[in-house]
């Protein structure tokens, strides 16, 4: 199940969609994601190398509160 969660997350499926596809509750999925992420080991970062990082923005509460327009 964890491998399926990882695969679907890499494919860009959202939390609710992943839960629906796997036929599990959203809360169950979130607990599994937390347990998966707790086992991730941070890779070593070398000085003098360049790295590319993507941005991620999350919302807590109402999304409308984050818009200024």
PDB file of N, CA and C in Angstrom:
ATOM      1  N   UNK A   1       0.833  -1.193   0.000  1.00  0.00           N
ATOM      2  CA  UNK A   1       0.000   0.000   0.000  1.00  0.00           C
ATOM      3  C   UNK A   1       0.876   1.256   0.000  1.00  0.00           C
ATOM      4  N   UNK A   2       1.938   1.262   0.806  1.00  0.00           N
ATOM      5  CA  UNK A   2       2.814   2.434   0.859  1.00  0.00           C
ATOM      6  C   UNK A   2       3.462   2.712  -0.490  1.00  0.00           C
ATOM      7  N   UNK A   3       3.843   1.671  -1.207  1.00  0.00           N
ATOM      8  CA  UNK A   3       4.450   1.864  -2.525  1.00  0.00           C
ATOM      9  C   UNK A   3       3.452   2.474  -3.498  1.00  0.00           C
ATOM     10  N   UNK A   4       2.193   2.077  -3.395  1.00  0.00           N
ATOM     11  CA  UNK A   4       1.161   2.664  -4.249  1.00  0.00           C
ATOM     12  C   UNK A   4       0.960   4.140  -3.914  1.00  0.00           C
ATOM     13  N   UNK A   5       0.987   4.471  -2.629  1.00  0.00           N
ATOM     14  CA  UNK A   5       0.855   5.865  -2.205  1.00  0.00           C
ATOM     15  C   UNK A   5       1.997   6.696  -2.771  1.00  0.00           C
ATOM     16  N   UNK A   6       3.202   6.191  -2.673  1.00  0.00           N
ATOM     17  CA  UNK A   6       4.374   6.900  -3.200  1.00  0.00           C
ATOM     18  C   UNK A   6       4.244   7.093  -4.700  1.00  0.00           C
ATOM     19  N   UNK A   7       3.861   6.054  -5.409  1.00  0.00           N
ATOM     20  CA  UNK A   7       3.715   6.125  -6.864  1.00  0.00           C
ATOM     21  C   UNK A   7       2.661   7.152  -7.275  1.00  0.00           C
ATOM     22  N   UNK A   8       1.501   7.113  -6.635  1.00  0.00           N
ATOM     23  CA  UNK A   8       0.427   8.047  -6.976  1.00  0.00           C
ATOM     24  C   UNK A   8       0.801   9.487  -6.632  1.00  0.00           C
ATOM     25  N   UNK A   9       1.538   9.670  -5.552  1.00  0.00           N
ATOM     26  CA  UNK A   9       1.999  11.006  -5.181  1.00  0.00           C
ATOM     27  C   UNK A   9       2.981  11.538  -6.212  1.00  0.00           C
ATOM     28  N   UNK A  10       3.893  10.690  -6.675  1.00  0.00           N
ATOM     29  CA  UNK A  10       4.845  11.098  -7.707  1.00  0.00           C
ATOM     30  C   UNK A  10       4.139  11.445  -9.011  1.00  0.00           C
ATOM     31  N   UNK A  11       3.010  10.806  -9.275  1.00  0.00           N
ATOM     32  CA  UNK A  11       2.242  11.082 -10.480  1.00  0.00           C
ATOM     33  C   UNK A  11       1.418  12.368 -10.357  1.00  0.00           C
ATOM     34  N   UNK A  12       1.383  12.939  -9.164  1.00  0.00           N
ATOM     35  CA  UNK A  12       0.707  14.222  -8.982  1.00  0.00           C
ATOM     36  C   UNK A  12      -0.722  14.140  -8.500  1.00  0.00           C
ATOM     37  N   UNK A  13      -1.188  12.970  -8.069  1.00  0.00           N
ATOM     38  CA  UNK A  13      -2.544  12.860  -7.558  1.00  0.00           C
ATOM     39  C   UNK A  13      -2.634  13.554  -6.205  1.00  0.00           C
ATOM     40  N   UNK A  14      -3.762  14.175  -5.964  1.00  0.00           N
ATOM     41  CA  UNK A  14      -3.991  14.836  -4.692  1.00  0.00           C
ATOM     42  C   UNK A  14      -4.372  13.837  -3.609  1.00  0.00           C
ATOM     43  N   UNK A  15      -4.498  14.352  -2.407  1.00  0.00           N
ATOM     44  CA  UNK A  15      -4.809  13.513  -1.244  1.00  0.00           C
ATOM     45  C   UNK A  15      -6.160  12.809  -1.412  1.00  0.00           C
ATOM     46  N   UNK A  16      -7.190  13.569  -1.718  1.00  0.00           N
ATOM     47  CA  UNK A  16      -8.531  12.977  -1.838  1.00  0.00           C
ATOM     48  C   UNK A  16      -8.616  11.987  -2.998  1.00  0.00           C
ATOM     49  N   UNK A  17      -7.974  12.321  -4.099  1.00  0.00           N
ATOM     50  CA  UNK A  17      -7.995  11.427  -5.263  1.00  0.00           C
ATOM     51  C   UNK A  17      -7.250  10.132  -4.952  1.00  0.00           C
ATOM     52  N   UNK A  18      -6.106  10.239  -4.302  1.00  0.00           N
ATOM     53  CA  UNK A  18      -5.334   9.047  -3.936  1.00  0.00           C
ATOM     54  C   UNK A  18      -6.147   8.152  -3.006  1.00  0.00           C
ATOM     55  N   UNK A  19      -6.799   8.752  -2.027  1.00  0.00           N
ATOM     56  CA  UNK A  19      -7.631   7.974  -1.091  1.00  0.00           C
ATOM     57  C   UNK A  19      -8.765   7.281  -1.837  1.00  0.00           C
ATOM     58  N   UNK A  20      -9.368   7.985  -2.779  1.00  0.00           N
ATOM     59  CA  UNK A  20     -10.475   7.401  -3.549  1.00  0.00           C
ATOM     60  C   UNK A  20      -9.992   6.241  -4.406  1.00  0.00           C
ATOM     61  N   UNK A  21      -8.847   6.409  -5.079  1.00  0.00           N
ATOM     62  CA  UNK A  21      -8.311   5.352  -5.935  1.00  0.00           C
ATOM     63  C   UNK A  21      -7.951   4.121  -5.112  1.00  0.00           C
ATOM     64  N   UNK A  22      -7.365   4.332  -3.936  1.00  0.00           N
ATOM     65  CA  UNK A  22      -6.951   3.212  -3.089  1.00  0.00           C
ATOM     66  C   UNK A  22      -8.084   2.685  -2.200  1.00  0.00           C
ATOM     67  N   UNK A  23      -9.218   3.386  -2.240  1.00  0.00           N
ATOM     68  CA  UNK A  23     -10.388   3.008  -1.438  1.00  0.00           C
ATOM     69  C   UNK A  23     -10.077   2.949   0.053  1.00  0.00           C
ATOM     70  N   UNK A  24      -9.422   4.032   0.526  1.00  0.00           N
ATOM     71  CA  UNK A  24      -9.153   4.178   1.957  1.00  0.00           C
ATOM     72  C   UNK A  24      -9.602   5.573   2.382  1.00  0.00           C
ATOM     73  N   UNK A  25      -9.750   5.783   3.675  1.00  0.00           N
ATOM     74  CA  UNK A  25     -10.136   7.091   4.192  1.00  0.00           C
ATOM     75  C   UNK A  25      -8.990   8.080   4.045  1.00  0.00           C
ATOM     76  N   UNK A  26      -9.336   9.350   3.906  1.00  0.00           N
ATOM     77  CA  UNK A  26      -8.322  10.396   3.799  1.00  0.00           C
ATOM     78  C   UNK A  26      -7.448  10.414   5.052  1.00  0.00           C
ATOM     79  N   UNK A  27      -8.054  10.237   6.225  1.00  0.00           N
ATOM     80  CA  UNK A  27      -7.271  10.237   7.465  1.00  0.00           C
ATOM     81  C   UNK A  27      -6.279   9.074   7.492  1.00  0.00           C
ATOM     82  N   UNK A  28      -6.682   7.933   6.984  1.00  0.00           N
ATOM     83  CA  UNK A  28      -5.777   6.782   6.904  1.00  0.00           C
ATOM     84  C   UNK A  28      -4.615   7.087   5.969  1.00  0.00           C
ATOM     85  N   UNK A  29      -4.923   7.698   4.838  1.00  0.00           N
ATOM     86  CA  UNK A  29      -3.886   8.069   3.881  1.00  0.00           C
ATOM     87  C   UNK A  29      -2.900   9.046   4.507  1.00  0.00           C
ATOM     88  N   UNK A  30      -3.408  10.057   5.189  1.00  0.00           N
ATOM     89  CA  UNK A  30      -2.522  11.044   5.812  1.00  0.00           C
ATOM     90  C   UNK A  30      -1.621  10.409   6.867  1.00  0.00           C
ATOM     91  N   UNK A  31      -2.162   9.486   7.656  1.00  0.00           N
ATOM     92  CA  UNK A  31      -1.335   8.788   8.652  1.00  0.00           C
ATOM     93  C   UNK A  31      -0.240   7.977   7.977  1.00  0.00           C
ATOM     94  N   UNK A  32      -0.571   7.335   6.858  1.00  0.00           N
ATOM     95  CA  UNK A  32       0.435   6.555   6.126  1.00  0.00           C
ATOM     96  C   UNK A  32       1.494   7.470   5.515  1.00  0.00           C
ATOM     97  N   UNK A  33       1.075   8.622   4.990  1.00  0.00           N
ATOM     98  CA  UNK A  33       2.038   9.565   4.425  1.00  0.00           C
ATOM     99  C   UNK A  33       3.002  10.047   5.502  1.00  0.00           C
ATOM    100  N   UNK A  34       2.483  10.337   6.682  1.00  0.00           N
ATOM    101  CA  UNK A  34       3.349  10.765   7.786  1.00  0.00           C
ATOM    102  C   UNK A  34       4.333   9.665   8.137  1.00  0.00           C
ATOM    103  N   UNK A  35       3.875   8.418   8.198  1.00  0.00           N
ATOM    104  CA  UNK A  35       4.786   7.317   8.539  1.00  0.00           C
ATOM    105  C   UNK A  35       5.835   7.106   7.443  1.00  0.00           C
ATOM    106  N   UNK A  36       5.450   7.331   6.182  1.00  0.00           N
ATOM    107  CA  UNK A  36       6.402   7.202   5.070  1.00  0.00           C
ATOM    108  C   UNK A  36       7.461   8.296   5.172  1.00  0.00           C
ATOM    109  N   UNK A  37       7.020   9.536   5.427  1.00  0.00           N
ATOM    110  CA  UNK A  37       7.963  10.655   5.453  1.00  0.00           C
ATOM    111  C   UNK A  37       8.909  10.603   6.648  1.00  0.00           C
ATOM    112  N   UNK A  38       8.492   9.973   7.729  1.00  0.00           N
ATOM    113  CA  UNK A  38       9.365   9.867   8.903  1.00  0.00           C
ATOM    114  C   UNK A  38      10.580   8.977   8.629  1.00  0.00           C
ATOM    115  N   UNK A  39      10.482   8.127   7.612  1.00  0.00           N
ATOM    116  CA  UNK A  39      11.598   7.220   7.284  1.00  0.00           C
ATOM    117  C   UNK A  39      12.511   7.773   6.192  1.00  0.00           C
ATOM    118  N   UNK A  40      12.217   8.962   5.685  1.00  0.00           N
ATOM    119  CA  UNK A  40      13.058   9.555   4.643  1.00  0.00           C
ATOM    120  C   UNK A  40      14.339  10.089   5.270  1.00  0.00           C
ATOM    121  N   UNK A  41      15.457   9.685   4.718  1.00  0.00           N
ATOM    122  CA  UNK A  41      16.754  10.144   5.201  1.00  0.00           C
ATOM    123  C   UNK A  41      17.201  11.314   4.323  1.00  0.00           C
ATOM    124  N   UNK A  42      17.620  12.403   4.972  1.00  0.00           N
ATOM    125  CA  UNK A  42      18.059  13.572   4.212  1.00  0.00           C
ATOM    126  C   UNK A  42      19.351  13.244   3.477  1.00  0.00           C
ATOM    127  N   UNK A  43      19.401  13.528   2.169  1.00  0.00           N
ATOM    128  CA  UNK A  43      20.621  13.254   1.413  1.00  0.00           C
ATOM    129  C   UNK A  43      21.720  14.249   1.797  1.00  0.00           C
ATOM    130  N   UNK A  44      22.960  13.839   1.651  1.00  0.00           N
ATOM    131  CA  UNK A  44      24.051  14.776   1.969  1.00  0.00           C
ATOM    132  C   UNK A  44      24.059  15.935   0.969  1.00  0.00           C
ATOM    133  N   UNK A  45      24.372  17.114   1.477  1.00  0.00           N
ATOM    134  CA  UNK A  45      24.439  18.300   0.629  1.00  0.00           C
ATOM    135  C   UNK A  45      25.900  18.712   0.528  1.00  0.00           C
ATOM    136  N   UNK A  46      26.409  18.760  -0.696  1.00  0.00           N
ATOM    137  CA  UNK A  46      27.815  19.086  -0.919  1.00  0.00           C
ATOM    138  C   UNK A  46      27.980  20.579  -1.180  1.00  0.00           C
ATOM    139  N   UNK A  47      29.032  21.154  -0.622  1.00  0.00           N
ATOM    140  CA  UNK A  47      29.350  22.559  -0.850  1.00  0.00           C
ATOM    141  C   UNK A  47      29.971  22.699  -2.235  1.00  0.00           C
ATOM    142  N   UNK A  48      29.580  23.751  -2.950  1.00  0.00           N
ATOM    143  CA  UNK A  48      30.138  23.997  -4.270  1.00  0.00           C
ATOM    144  C   UNK A  48      29.351  23.370  -5.408  1.00  0.00           C
ATOM    145  N   UNK A  49      28.258  22.716  -5.097  1.00  0.00           N
ATOM    146  CA  UNK A  49      27.402  22.117  -6.125  1.00  0.00           C
ATOM    147  C   UNK A  49      26.144  22.949  -6.251  1.00  0.00           C
ATOM    148  N   UNK A  50      25.470  22.849  -7.388  1.00  0.00           N
ATOM    149  CA  UNK A  50      24.219  23.574  -7.555  1.00  0.00           C
ATOM    150  C   UNK A  50      23.055  22.590  -7.470  1.00  0.00           C
ATOM    151  N   UNK A  51      21.948  23.065  -6.924  1.00  0.00           N
ATOM    152  CA  UNK A  51      20.767  22.233  -6.730  1.00  0.00           C
ATOM    153  C   UNK A  51      19.546  22.985  -7.240  1.00  0.00           C
ATOM    154  N   UNK A  52      18.573  22.243  -7.756  1.00  0.00           N
ATOM    155  CA  UNK A  52      17.320  22.831  -8.195  1.00  0.00           C
ATOM    156  C   UNK A  52      16.227  22.396  -7.230  1.00  0.00           C
ATOM    157  N   UNK A  53      15.438  23.353  -6.764  1.00  0.00           N
ATOM    158  CA  UNK A  53      14.396  23.076  -5.789  1.00  0.00           C
ATOM    159  C   UNK A  53      13.079  23.629  -6.318  1.00  0.00           C
ATOM    160  N   UNK A  54      12.038  22.825  -6.273  1.00  0.00           N
ATOM    161  CA  UNK A  54      10.707  23.274  -6.662  1.00  0.00           C
ATOM    162  C   UNK A  54      10.011  23.880  -5.454  1.00  0.00           C
ATOM    163  N   UNK A  55       9.068  24.778  -5.721  1.00  0.00           N
ATOM    164  CA  UNK A  55       8.310  25.400  -4.649  1.00  0.00           C
ATOM    165  C   UNK A  55       7.011  24.648  -4.424  1.00  0.00           C
ATOM    166  N   UNK A  56       6.534  24.694  -3.192  1.00  0.00           N
ATOM    167  CA  UNK A  56       5.246  24.103  -2.875  1.00  0.00           C
ATOM    168  C   UNK A  56       4.538  25.046  -1.914  1.00  0.00           C
ATOM    169  N   UNK A  57       3.286  25.318  -2.181  1.00  0.00           N
ATOM    170  CA  UNK A  57       2.512  26.188  -1.318  1.00  0.00           C
ATOM    171  C   UNK A  57       1.301  25.415  -0.828  1.00  0.00           C
ATOM    172  N   UNK A  58       1.055  25.485   0.457  1.00  0.00           N
ATOM    173  CA  UNK A  58      -0.103  24.810   1.022  1.00  0.00           C
ATOM    174  C   UNK A  58      -1.008  25.843   1.678  1.00  0.00           C
ATOM    175  N   UNK A  59      -2.251  25.488   1.843  1.00  0.00           N
ATOM    176  CA  UNK A  59      -3.228  26.376   2.438  1.00  0.00           C
ATOM    177  C   UNK A  59      -3.755  25.773   3.731  1.00  0.00           C
ATOM    178  N   UNK A  60      -3.886  26.629   4.727  1.00  0.00           N
ATOM    179  CA  UNK A  60      -4.539  26.236   5.965  1.00  0.00           C
ATOM    180  C   UNK A  60      -5.697  27.197   6.151  1.00  0.00           C
ATOM    181  N   UNK A  61      -6.890  26.678   6.214  1.00  0.00           N
ATOM    182  CA  UNK A  61      -8.055  27.533   6.340  1.00  0.00           C
ATOM    183  C   UNK A  61      -8.690  27.790   4.994  1.00  0.00           C
ATOM    184  N   UNK A  62      -9.177  29.005   4.790  1.00  0.00           N
ATOM    185  CA  UNK A  62      -9.868  29.352   3.556  1.00  0.00           C
ATOM    186  C   UNK A  62      -8.884  29.822   2.507  1.00  0.00           C
ATOM    187  N   UNK A  63      -8.990  29.304   1.306  1.00  0.00           N
ATOM    188  CA  UNK A  63      -8.088  29.697   0.223  1.00  0.00           C
ATOM    189  C   UNK A  63      -8.293  31.161  -0.175  1.00  0.00           C
ATOM    190  N   UNK A  64      -9.509  31.652  -0.088  1.00  0.00           N
ATOM    191  CA  UNK A  64      -9.793  33.035  -0.483  1.00  0.00           C
ATOM    192  C   UNK A  64      -8.982  34.034   0.330  1.00  0.00           C
ATOM    193  N   UNK A  65      -8.624  33.697   1.553  1.00  0.00           N
ATOM    194  CA  UNK A  65      -7.867  34.602   2.420  1.00  0.00           C
ATOM    195  C   UNK A  65      -6.465  34.833   1.868  1.00  0.00           C
ATOM    196  N   UNK A  66      -5.962  33.960   0.996  1.00  0.00           N
ATOM    197  CA  UNK A  66      -4.603  34.089   0.464  1.00  0.00           C
ATOM    198  C   UNK A  66      -4.540  34.920  -0.822  1.00  0.00           C
ATOM    199  N   UNK A  67      -5.689  35.253  -1.398  1.00  0.00           N
ATOM    200  CA  UNK A  67      -5.711  36.018  -2.637  1.00  0.00           C
ATOM    201  C   UNK A  67      -5.837  37.502  -2.336  1.00  0.00           C
ATOM    202  N   UNK A  68      -5.088  38.320  -3.059  1.00  0.00           N
ATOM    203  CA  UNK A  68      -5.139  39.754  -2.849  1.00  0.00           C
ATOM    204  C   UNK A  68      -5.967  40.457  -3.920  1.00  0.00           C
ATOM    205  N   UNK A  69      -6.343  39.760  -4.970  1.00  0.00           N
ATOM    206  CA  UNK A  69      -7.008  40.391  -6.097  1.00  0.00           C
ATOM    207  C   UNK A  69      -8.448  40.216  -6.050  1.00  0.00           C
TER     208      UNK A  69
END
